[in-house]
Protein backbone atom coordinates (compact mmCIF):
# COMPACT_ATOMS: atom_id res chain seq x y z
CA UNK A 1 -42.91 0.80 0.02
CA UNK A 2 -41.86 1.11 3.67
CA UNK A 3 -43.15 4.29 5.23
CA UNK A 4 -41.65 3.95 8.73
CA UNK A 5 -45.16 4.18 10.11
CA UNK A 6 -47.07 2.37 12.84
CA UNK A 7 -48.04 -1.32 12.90
CA UNK A 8 -50.12 -2.06 9.84
CA UNK A 9 -47.59 -0.28 7.66
CA UNK A 10 -44.76 -2.10 5.89
CA UNK A 11 -42.45 -1.42 8.85
CA UNK A 12 -44.97 -2.84 11.32
CA UNK A 13 -45.42 -5.99 9.23
CA UNK A 14 -41.64 -6.45 8.94
CA UNK A 15 -41.14 -6.13 12.71
CA UNK A 16 -43.95 -8.57 13.43
CA UNK A 17 -42.39 -11.08 10.99
CA UNK A 18 -39.12 -11.26 12.95
CA UNK A 19 -38.47 -14.67 14.45
CA UNK A 20 -38.74 -14.51 18.23
CA UNK A 21 -39.21 -16.80 21.20
CA UNK A 22 -40.49 -16.48 24.75
CA UNK A 23 -37.99 -17.51 27.41
CA UNK A 24 -39.14 -18.31 30.95
CA UNK A 25 -37.19 -16.29 33.52
CA UNK A 26 -36.97 -15.46 37.19
CA UNK A 27 -35.91 -11.89 37.99
CA UNK A 28 -34.90 -10.94 41.53
CA UNK A 29 -35.07 -7.53 43.17
CA UNK A 30 -34.23 -6.70 46.79
CA UNK A 31 -37.82 -7.54 47.82
CA UNK A 32 -39.38 -9.73 45.11
CA UNK A 33 -38.92 -12.66 42.76
CA UNK A 34 -40.69 -12.13 39.43
CA UNK A 35 -41.37 -15.14 37.23
CA UNK A 36 -42.62 -14.85 33.68
CA UNK A 37 -41.46 -14.70 30.08
CA UNK A 38 -39.11 -12.40 28.19
CA UNK A 39 -39.27 -12.15 24.39
CA UNK A 40 -35.95 -12.70 22.61
CA UNK A 41 -35.30 -12.17 18.92
CA UNK A 42 -33.60 -14.95 16.97
CA UNK A 43 -29.93 -15.05 17.98
CA UNK A 44 -30.45 -12.72 20.96
CA UNK A 45 -29.35 -13.75 24.45
CA UNK A 46 -30.90 -12.73 27.75
CA UNK A 47 -27.69 -10.85 28.60
CA UNK A 48 -28.05 -8.83 25.37
CA UNK A 49 -31.42 -7.47 26.56
CA UNK A 50 -30.14 -6.69 30.03
CA UNK A 51 -27.06 -4.88 28.70
CA UNK A 52 -29.04 -2.44 26.52
CA UNK A 53 -28.34 0.84 28.31
CA UNK A 54 -30.84 2.85 26.28
CA UNK A 55 -33.72 0.75 27.64
CA UNK A 56 -34.41 1.20 31.35
CA UNK A 57 -37.33 -1.22 31.59
CA UNK A 58 -37.71 -4.86 30.62
CA UNK A 59 -41.09 -6.35 29.69
CA UNK A 60 -42.04 -9.55 31.48
CA UNK A 61 -45.09 -11.37 30.14
CA UNK A 62 -47.40 -13.59 32.21
CA UNK A 63 -45.72 -12.17 35.30
CA UNK A 64 -46.09 -13.54 38.82
CA UNK A 65 -44.55 -11.49 41.63
CA UNK A 66 -43.60 -13.24 44.87
CA UNK A 67 -42.39 -11.74 48.13
CA UNK A 68 -38.88 -12.96 48.95
CA UNK A 69 -39.78 -13.34 52.62
CA UNK A 70 -42.35 -16.10 52.67
CA UNK A 71 -42.63 -16.85 48.95
CA UNK A 72 -46.19 -15.43 48.85
CA UNK A 73 -47.73 -14.46 45.49
CA UNK A 74 -48.39 -10.70 45.78
CA UNK A 75 -49.25 -9.75 42.20
CA UNK A 76 -50.03 -11.33 38.85
CA UNK A 77 -50.30 -9.57 35.47
CA UNK A 78 -50.22 -10.42 31.76
CA UNK A 79 -47.58 -7.68 31.29
CA UNK A 80 -45.17 -6.08 33.72
CA UNK A 81 -42.52 -3.44 32.99
CA UNK A 82 -39.60 -3.94 35.37
CA UNK A 83 -37.00 -1.24 35.98
CA UNK A 84 -33.69 -2.97 35.19
CA UNK A 85 -31.86 -0.86 37.80
CA UNK A 86 -33.75 -2.79 40.50
CA UNK A 87 -33.00 -6.23 39.07
CA UNK A 88 -30.12 -7.90 40.90
CA UNK A 89 -30.34 -11.24 39.10
CA UNK A 90 -32.25 -12.67 36.12
CA UNK A 91 -31.98 -16.33 35.21
CA UNK A 92 -33.63 -18.49 32.54
CA UNK A 93 -35.93 -21.22 33.85
CA UNK A 94 -36.60 -24.65 32.41
CA UNK A 95 -40.12 -25.98 31.83
CA UNK A 96 -40.37 -27.25 35.42
CA UNK A 97 -39.52 -23.81 36.83
CA UNK A 98 -35.93 -24.70 37.78
CA UNK A 99 -32.89 -22.72 36.69
CA UNK A 100 -31.79 -23.93 33.27
């Protein structure tokens, strides 16, 4: 019986069972380039995540933040919440780090 409760409940197990994939991306703000991974559900596109107006932040996993002037690594984190209002461009990357 699903109780709508936290992970560990039926609802939590059902959400964890959803098919998902990590997509490598580069997100650009006015001052930084952020490279990392965004989690997409099966059938979901990167544009779908960015167009969700009820979510103001996007999670980027294995994030590396570079300064745009000089391409210097300024921060690295396993998880970064990025305010979508500051993102001017987000593109998928291929395995070599180039735009796919």
